[in-house]
Full PDB file with SEQRES, HELIX, SHEET, SSBOND, CRYST1, ORIGX, SCALE, CONECT and MASTER records, all heavy atoms in Angstrom:
SEQRES   1 A   30  THR ASN ALA HIS ILE GLY THR THR LEU THR ASP PRO ASP          
SEQRES   2 A   30  ILE ASP PHE ALA ALA VAL ALA ARG GLY PHE GLY VAL HIS          
SEQRES   3 A   30  ALA GLU GLY PRO                                              
HELIX    1 AA1 PHE A   16  GLY A   22  1                                   7    
CRYST1    1.000    1.000    1.000  90.00  90.00  90.00 P 1           1          
ORIGX1      1.000000  0.000000  0.000000        0.00000                         
ORIGX2      0.000000  1.000000  0.000000        0.00000                         
ORIGX3      0.000000  0.000000  1.000000        0.00000                         
SCALE1      1.000000  0.000000  0.000000        0.00000                         
SCALE2      0.000000  1.000000  0.000000        0.00000                         
SCALE3      0.000000  0.000000  1.000000        0.00000                         
ATOM      1  N   THR A   1       0.811  -1.224   0.000  1.00  0.00           N  
ATOM      2  CA  THR A   1       0.000   0.000   0.000  1.00  0.00           C  
ATOM      3  C   THR A   1       0.843   1.272   0.000  1.00  0.00           C  
ATOM      4  O   THR A   1       0.395   2.300  -0.492  1.00  0.00           O  
ATOM      5  CB  THR A   1      -0.950   0.025   1.211  1.00  0.00           C  
ATOM      6  OG1 THR A   1      -0.185  -0.092   2.412  1.00  0.00           O  
ATOM      7  CG2 THR A   1      -1.964  -1.099   1.131  1.00  0.00           C  
ATOM      8  N   ASN A   2       2.039   1.227   0.520  1.00  0.00           N  
ATOM      9  CA  ASN A   2       2.908   2.410   0.543  1.00  0.00           C  
ATOM     10  C   ASN A   2       4.128   2.253  -0.356  1.00  0.00           C  
ATOM     11  O   ASN A   2       5.089   3.008  -0.228  1.00  0.00           O  
ATOM     12  CB  ASN A   2       3.368   2.692   1.979  1.00  0.00           C  
ATOM     13  CG  ASN A   2       2.226   3.124   2.865  1.00  0.00           C  
ATOM     14  OD1 ASN A   2       1.303   3.785   2.413  1.00  0.00           O  
ATOM     15  ND2 ASN A   2       2.270   2.737   4.123  1.00  0.00           N  
ATOM     16  N   ALA A   3       4.081   1.306  -1.281  1.00  0.00           N  
ATOM     17  CA  ALA A   3       5.237   1.041  -2.144  1.00  0.00           C  
ATOM     18  C   ALA A   3       5.574   2.232  -3.041  1.00  0.00           C  
ATOM     19  O   ALA A   3       6.715   2.381  -3.467  1.00  0.00           O  
ATOM     20  CB  ALA A   3       4.993  -0.198  -2.994  1.00  0.00           C  
ATOM     21  N   HIS A   4       4.608   3.105  -3.307  1.00  0.00           N  
ATOM     22  CA  HIS A   4       4.848   4.255  -4.187  1.00  0.00           C  
ATOM     23  C   HIS A   4       5.666   5.361  -3.515  1.00  0.00           C  
ATOM     24  O   HIS A   4       6.250   6.199  -4.189  1.00  0.00           O  
ATOM     25  CB  HIS A   4       3.510   4.839  -4.633  1.00  0.00           C  
ATOM     26  CG  HIS A   4       2.737   5.452  -3.505  1.00  0.00           C  
ATOM     27  ND1 HIS A   4       2.042   4.698  -2.593  1.00  0.00           N  
ATOM     28  CD2 HIS A   4       2.589   6.737  -3.125  1.00  0.00           C  
ATOM     29  CE1 HIS A   4       1.486   5.497  -1.704  1.00  0.00           C  
ATOM     30  NE2 HIS A   4       1.797   6.747  -1.999  1.00  0.00           N  
ATOM     31  N   ILE A   5       5.758   5.348  -2.206  1.00  0.00           N  
ATOM     32  CA  ILE A   5       6.469   6.410  -1.491  1.00  0.00           C  
ATOM     33  C   ILE A   5       7.957   6.351  -1.834  1.00  0.00           C  
ATOM     34  O   ILE A   5       8.612   5.330  -1.678  1.00  0.00           O  
ATOM     35  CB  ILE A   5       6.251   6.288   0.030  1.00  0.00           C  
ATOM     36  CG1 ILE A   5       4.781   6.510   0.361  1.00  0.00           C  
ATOM     37  CG2 ILE A   5       7.140   7.284   0.780  1.00  0.00           C  
ATOM     38  CD1 ILE A   5       4.422   6.253   1.796  1.00  0.00           C  
ATOM     39  N   GLY A   6       8.464   7.435  -2.324  1.00  0.00           N  
ATOM     40  CA  GLY A   6       9.876   7.523  -2.689  1.00  0.00           C  
ATOM     41  C   GLY A   6      10.192   6.992  -4.067  1.00  0.00           C  
ATOM     42  O   GLY A   6      11.344   7.035  -4.497  1.00  0.00           O  
ATOM     43  N   THR A   7       9.177   6.505  -4.792  1.00  0.00           N  
ATOM     44  CA  THR A   7       9.441   5.957  -6.123  1.00  0.00           C  
ATOM     45  C   THR A   7       8.644   6.645  -7.218  1.00  0.00           C  
ATOM     46  O   THR A   7       8.897   6.402  -8.387  1.00  0.00           O  
ATOM     47  CB  THR A   7       9.136   4.444  -6.171  1.00  0.00           C  
ATOM     48  OG1 THR A   7       7.757   4.244  -5.840  1.00  0.00           O  
ATOM     49  CG2 THR A   7      10.014   3.674  -5.220  1.00  0.00           C  
ATOM     50  N   THR A   8       7.676   7.483  -6.860  1.00  0.00           N  
ATOM     51  CA  THR A   8       6.900   8.202  -7.861  1.00  0.00           C  
ATOM     52  C   THR A   8       7.104   9.702  -7.680  1.00  0.00           C  
ATOM     53  O   THR A   8       7.316  10.181  -6.574  1.00  0.00           O  
ATOM     54  CB  THR A   8       5.395   7.879  -7.747  1.00  0.00           C  
ATOM     55  OG1 THR A   8       4.959   8.164  -6.425  1.00  0.00           O  
ATOM     56  CG2 THR A   8       5.111   6.428  -8.074  1.00  0.00           C  
ATOM     57  N   LEU A   9       7.036  10.397  -8.782  1.00  0.00           N  
ATOM     58  CA  LEU A   9       7.235  11.847  -8.769  1.00  0.00           C  
ATOM     59  C   LEU A   9       5.925  12.522  -9.184  1.00  0.00           C  
ATOM     60  O   LEU A   9       5.737  12.899 -10.331  1.00  0.00           O  
ATOM     61  CB  LEU A   9       8.366  12.235  -9.727  1.00  0.00           C  
ATOM     62  CG  LEU A   9       9.715  11.598  -9.427  1.00  0.00           C  
ATOM     63  CD1 LEU A   9      10.694  11.896 -10.543  1.00  0.00           C  
ATOM     64  CD2 LEU A   9      10.254  12.091  -8.111  1.00  0.00           C  
ATOM     65  N   THR A  10       4.995  12.634  -8.238  1.00  0.00           N  
ATOM     66  CA  THR A  10       3.699  13.248  -8.510  1.00  0.00           C  
ATOM     67  C   THR A  10       3.289  14.114  -7.329  1.00  0.00           C  
ATOM     68  O   THR A  10       3.898  14.079  -6.273  1.00  0.00           O  
ATOM     69  CB  THR A  10       2.609  12.175  -8.729  1.00  0.00           C  
ATOM     70  OG1 THR A  10       2.540  11.339  -7.579  1.00  0.00           O  
ATOM     71  CG2 THR A  10       2.904  11.328  -9.960  1.00  0.00           C  
ATOM     72  N   ASP A  11       2.198  14.829  -7.548  1.00  0.00           N  
ATOM     73  CA  ASP A  11       1.584  15.665  -6.497  1.00  0.00           C  
ATOM     74  C   ASP A  11       2.540  16.671  -5.893  1.00  0.00           C  
ATOM     75  O   ASP A  11       2.884  16.545  -4.733  1.00  0.00           O  
ATOM     76  CB  ASP A  11       0.941  14.803  -5.417  1.00  0.00           C  
ATOM     77  CG  ASP A  11      -0.213  13.984  -5.953  1.00  0.00           C  
ATOM     78  OD1 ASP A  11      -0.937  14.518  -6.811  1.00  0.00           O  
ATOM     79  OD2 ASP A  11      -0.377  12.855  -5.523  1.00  0.00           O  
ATOM     80  N   PRO A  12       2.997  17.655  -6.565  1.00  0.00           N  
ATOM     81  CA  PRO A  12       2.669  18.017  -7.937  1.00  0.00           C  
ATOM     82  C   PRO A  12       3.618  17.346  -8.926  1.00  0.00           C  
ATOM     83  O   PRO A  12       4.725  16.937  -8.566  1.00  0.00           O  
ATOM     84  CB  PRO A  12       2.884  19.525  -7.958  1.00  0.00           C  
ATOM     85  CG  PRO A  12       4.012  19.738  -6.996  1.00  0.00           C  
ATOM     86  CD  PRO A  12       3.793  18.710  -5.906  1.00  0.00           C  
ATOM     87  N   ASP A  13       3.155  17.249 -10.185  1.00  0.00           N  
ATOM     88  CA  ASP A  13       4.030  16.734 -11.237  1.00  0.00           C  
ATOM     89  C   ASP A  13       5.174  17.720 -11.459  1.00  0.00           C  
ATOM     90  O   ASP A  13       5.011  18.930 -11.294  1.00  0.00           O  
ATOM     91  CB  ASP A  13       3.255  16.563 -12.545  1.00  0.00           C  
ATOM     92  CG  ASP A  13       2.226  15.444 -12.450  1.00  0.00           C  
ATOM     93  OD1 ASP A  13       2.481  14.467 -11.721  1.00  0.00           O  
ATOM     94  OD2 ASP A  13       1.176  15.557 -13.104  1.00  0.00           O  
ATOM     95  N   ILE A  14       6.318  17.206 -11.839  1.00  0.00           N  
ATOM     96  CA  ILE A  14       7.480  18.061 -12.091  1.00  0.00           C  
ATOM     97  C   ILE A  14       7.319  18.733 -13.453  1.00  0.00           C  
ATOM     98  O   ILE A  14       7.013  18.076 -14.444  1.00  0.00           O  
ATOM     99  CB  ILE A  14       8.782  17.249 -12.049  1.00  0.00           C  
ATOM    100  CG1 ILE A  14       8.977  16.658 -10.661  1.00  0.00           C  
ATOM    101  CG2 ILE A  14       9.969  18.110 -12.437  1.00  0.00           C  
ATOM    102  CD1 ILE A  14      10.105  15.670 -10.575  1.00  0.00           C  
ATOM    103  N   ASP A  15       7.503  20.026 -13.511  1.00  0.00           N  
ATOM    104  CA  ASP A  15       7.451  20.777 -14.762  1.00  0.00           C  
ATOM    105  C   ASP A  15       8.874  20.809 -15.331  1.00  0.00           C  
ATOM    106  O   ASP A  15       9.649  21.727 -15.071  1.00  0.00           O  
ATOM    107  CB  ASP A  15       6.918  22.180 -14.497  1.00  0.00           C  
ATOM    108  CG  ASP A  15       6.699  22.980 -15.772  1.00  0.00           C  
ATOM    109  OD1 ASP A  15       7.199  22.570 -16.837  1.00  0.00           O  
ATOM    110  OD2 ASP A  15       6.028  24.029 -15.688  1.00  0.00           O  
ATOM    111  N   PHE A  16       9.219  19.771 -16.087  1.00  0.00           N  
ATOM    112  CA  PHE A  16      10.571  19.659 -16.633  1.00  0.00           C  
ATOM    113  C   PHE A  16      10.886  20.798 -17.595  1.00  0.00           C  
ATOM    114  O   PHE A  16      12.043  21.219 -17.704  1.00  0.00           O  
ATOM    115  CB  PHE A  16      10.765  18.302 -17.313  1.00  0.00           C  
ATOM    116  CG  PHE A  16      10.790  17.159 -16.355  1.00  0.00           C  
ATOM    117  CD1 PHE A  16       9.720  16.291 -16.252  1.00  0.00           C  
ATOM    118  CD2 PHE A  16      11.885  16.943 -15.539  1.00  0.00           C  
ATOM    119  CE1 PHE A  16       9.740  15.227 -15.358  1.00  0.00           C  
ATOM    120  CE2 PHE A  16      11.920  15.884 -14.639  1.00  0.00           C  
ATOM    121  CZ  PHE A  16      10.833  15.030 -14.550  1.00  0.00           C  
ATOM    122  N   ALA A  17       9.877  21.312 -18.291  1.00  0.00           N  
ATOM    123  CA  ALA A  17      10.113  22.434 -19.202  1.00  0.00           C  
ATOM    124  C   ALA A  17      10.566  23.668 -18.421  1.00  0.00           C  
ATOM    125  O   ALA A  17      11.475  24.378 -18.841  1.00  0.00           O  
ATOM    126  CB  ALA A  17       8.854  22.736 -20.015  1.00  0.00           C  
ATOM    127  N   ALA A  18       9.950  23.923 -17.283  1.00  0.00           N  
ATOM    128  CA  ALA A  18      10.352  25.070 -16.463  1.00  0.00           C  
ATOM    129  C   ALA A  18      11.770  24.896 -15.934  1.00  0.00           C  
ATOM    130  O   ALA A  18      12.548  25.860 -15.892  1.00  0.00           O  
ATOM    131  CB  ALA A  18       9.376  25.255 -15.304  1.00  0.00           C  
ATOM    132  N   VAL A  19      12.114  23.681 -15.558  1.00  0.00           N  
ATOM    133  CA  VAL A  19      13.476  23.415 -15.082  1.00  0.00           C  
ATOM    134  C   VAL A  19      14.475  23.678 -16.207  1.00  0.00           C  
ATOM    135  O   VAL A  19      15.509  24.333 -16.008  1.00  0.00           O  
ATOM    136  CB  VAL A  19      13.607  21.963 -14.558  1.00  0.00           C  
ATOM    137  CG1 VAL A  19      15.047  21.640 -14.216  1.00  0.00           C  
ATOM    138  CG2 VAL A  19      12.708  21.744 -13.356  1.00  0.00           C  
ATOM    139  N   ALA A  20      14.172  23.189 -17.414  1.00  0.00           N  
ATOM    140  CA  ALA A  20      15.073  23.387 -18.556  1.00  0.00           C  
ATOM    141  C   ALA A  20      15.221  24.866 -18.883  1.00  0.00           C  
ATOM    142  O   ALA A  20      16.332  25.341 -19.144  1.00  0.00           O  
ATOM    143  CB  ALA A  20      14.549  22.618 -19.772  1.00  0.00           C  
ATOM    144  N   ARG A  21      14.096  25.594 -18.870  1.00  0.00           N  
ATOM    145  CA  ARG A  21      14.171  27.037 -19.135  1.00  0.00           C  
ATOM    146  C   ARG A  21      15.057  27.740 -18.113  1.00  0.00           C  
ATOM    147  O   ARG A  21      15.770  28.686 -18.439  1.00  0.00           O  
ATOM    148  CB  ARG A  21      12.780  27.655 -19.125  1.00  0.00           C  
ATOM    149  CG  ARG A  21      11.980  27.341 -20.344  1.00  0.00           C  
ATOM    150  CD  ARG A  21      10.642  28.093 -20.345  1.00  0.00           C  
ATOM    151  NE  ARG A  21       9.698  27.345 -21.137  1.00  0.00           N  
ATOM    152  CZ  ARG A  21       8.694  26.612 -20.658  1.00  0.00           C  
ATOM    153  NH1 ARG A  21       8.471  26.553 -19.358  1.00  0.00           N  
ATOM    154  NH2 ARG A  21       7.907  25.958 -21.470  1.00  0.00           N  
ATOM    155  N   GLY A  22      15.031  27.269 -16.891  1.00  0.00           N  
ATOM    156  CA  GLY A  22      15.871  27.838 -15.845  1.00  0.00           C  
ATOM    157  C   GLY A  22      17.356  27.686 -16.144  1.00  0.00           C  
ATOM    158  O   GLY A  22      18.176  28.460 -15.661  1.00  0.00           O  
ATOM    159  N   PHE A  23      17.693  26.691 -16.949  1.00  0.00           N  
ATOM    160  CA  PHE A  23      19.078  26.475 -17.359  1.00  0.00           C  
ATOM    161  C   PHE A  23      19.372  27.105 -18.720  1.00  0.00           C  
ATOM    162  O   PHE A  23      20.425  26.876 -19.300  1.00  0.00           O  
ATOM    163  CB  PHE A  23      19.395  24.978 -17.413  1.00  0.00           C  
ATOM    164  CG  PHE A  23      19.576  24.368 -16.053  1.00  0.00           C  
ATOM    165  CD1 PHE A  23      18.570  23.617 -15.462  1.00  0.00           C  
ATOM    166  CD2 PHE A  23      20.759  24.545 -15.351  1.00  0.00           C  
ATOM    167  CE1 PHE A  23      18.732  23.057 -14.211  1.00  0.00           C  
ATOM    168  CE2 PHE A  23      20.934  23.996 -14.097  1.00  0.00           C  
ATOM    169  CZ  PHE A  23      19.917  23.248 -13.525  1.00  0.00           C  
ATOM    170  N   GLY A  24      18.411  27.857 -19.249  1.00  0.00           N  
ATOM    171  CA  GLY A  24      18.623  28.524 -20.529  1.00  0.00           C  
ATOM    172  C   GLY A  24      18.388  27.648 -21.737  1.00  0.00           C  
ATOM    173  O   GLY A  24      18.798  27.984 -22.848  1.00  0.00           O  
ATOM    174  N   VAL A  25      17.710  26.530 -21.570  1.00  0.00           N  
ATOM    175  CA  VAL A  25      17.434  25.597 -22.662  1.00  0.00           C  
ATOM    176  C   VAL A  25      16.072  25.915 -23.248  1.00  0.00           C  
ATOM    177  O   VAL A  25      15.120  26.215 -22.518  1.00  0.00           O  
ATOM    178  CB  VAL A  25      17.468  24.139 -22.142  1.00  0.00           C  
ATOM    179  CG1 VAL A  25      17.015  23.154 -23.198  1.00  0.00           C  
ATOM    180  CG2 VAL A  25      18.860  23.792 -21.650  1.00  0.00           C  
ATOM    181  N   HIS A  26      15.948  25.832 -24.573  1.00  0.00           N  
ATOM    182  CA  HIS A  26      14.631  25.973 -25.198  1.00  0.00           C  
ATOM    183  C   HIS A  26      13.769  24.814 -24.727  1.00  0.00           C  
ATOM    184  O   HIS A  26      14.173  23.656 -24.811  1.00  0.00           O  
ATOM    185  CB  HIS A  26      14.741  25.944 -26.728  1.00  0.00           C  
ATOM    186  CG  HIS A  26      13.405  25.881 -27.393  1.00  0.00           C  
ATOM    187  ND1 HIS A  26      12.644  26.991 -27.607  1.00  0.00           N  
ATOM    188  CD2 HIS A  26      12.681  24.827 -27.850  1.00  0.00           C  
ATOM    189  CE1 HIS A  26      11.509  26.629 -28.186  1.00  0.00           C  
ATOM    190  NE2 HIS A  26      11.520  25.325 -28.342  1.00  0.00           N  
ATOM    191  N   ALA A  27      12.576  25.104 -24.246  1.00  0.00           N  
ATOM    192  CA  ALA A  27      11.703  24.049 -23.735  1.00  0.00           C  
ATOM    193  C   ALA A  27      10.257  24.329 -24.102  1.00  0.00           C  
ATOM    194  O   ALA A  27       9.833  25.485 -24.132  1.00  0.00           O  
ATOM    195  CB  ALA A  27      11.848  23.927 -22.226  1.00  0.00           C  
ATOM    196  N   GLU A  28       9.527  23.275 -24.367  1.00  0.00           N  
ATOM    197  CA  GLU A  28       8.103  23.361 -24.665  1.00  0.00           C  
ATOM    198  C   GLU A  28       7.361  22.446 -23.703  1.00  0.00           C  
ATOM    199  O   GLU A  28       7.829  21.369 -23.371  1.00  0.00           O  
ATOM    200  CB  GLU A  28       7.841  22.888 -26.095  1.00  0.00           C  
ATOM    201  CG  GLU A  28       8.667  23.620 -27.102  1.00  0.00           C  
ATOM    202  CD  GLU A  28       7.846  24.266 -28.174  1.00  0.00           C  
ATOM    203  OE1 GLU A  28       6.611  24.167 -28.142  1.00  0.00           O  
ATOM    204  OE2 GLU A  28       8.463  24.874 -29.050  1.00  0.00           O  
ATOM    205  N   GLY A  29       6.189  22.890 -23.267  1.00  0.00           N  
ATOM    206  CA  GLY A  29       5.370  22.025 -22.448  1.00  0.00           C  
ATOM    207  C   GLY A  29       5.156  22.563 -21.056  1.00  0.00           C  
ATOM    208  O   GLY A  29       5.543  23.686 -20.748  1.00  0.00           O  
ATOM    209  N   PRO A  30       4.555  21.770 -20.225  1.00  0.00           N  
ATOM    210  CA  PRO A  30       4.133  20.393 -20.436  1.00  0.00           C  
ATOM    211  C   PRO A  30       2.975  20.305 -21.438  1.00  0.00           C  
ATOM    212  O   PRO A  30       2.028  21.075 -21.368  1.00  0.00           O  
ATOM    213  CB  PRO A  30       3.680  19.906 -19.075  1.00  0.00           C  
ATOM    214  CG  PRO A  30       3.806  21.040 -18.130  1.00  0.00           C  
ATOM    215  CD  PRO A  30       4.303  22.224 -18.875  1.00  0.00           C  
TER     216      PRO A  30                                                      
MASTER        0    0    0    1    0    0    0    6  215    1    0    3          
END                                                                             
């Protein structure tokens, strides 16, 4: 029942585009 703890990246979902933009990379999305 708690197997997802530490293995899923949700709530909130990671905005990888925002992270990339922070590094100066062109990014689209999510």
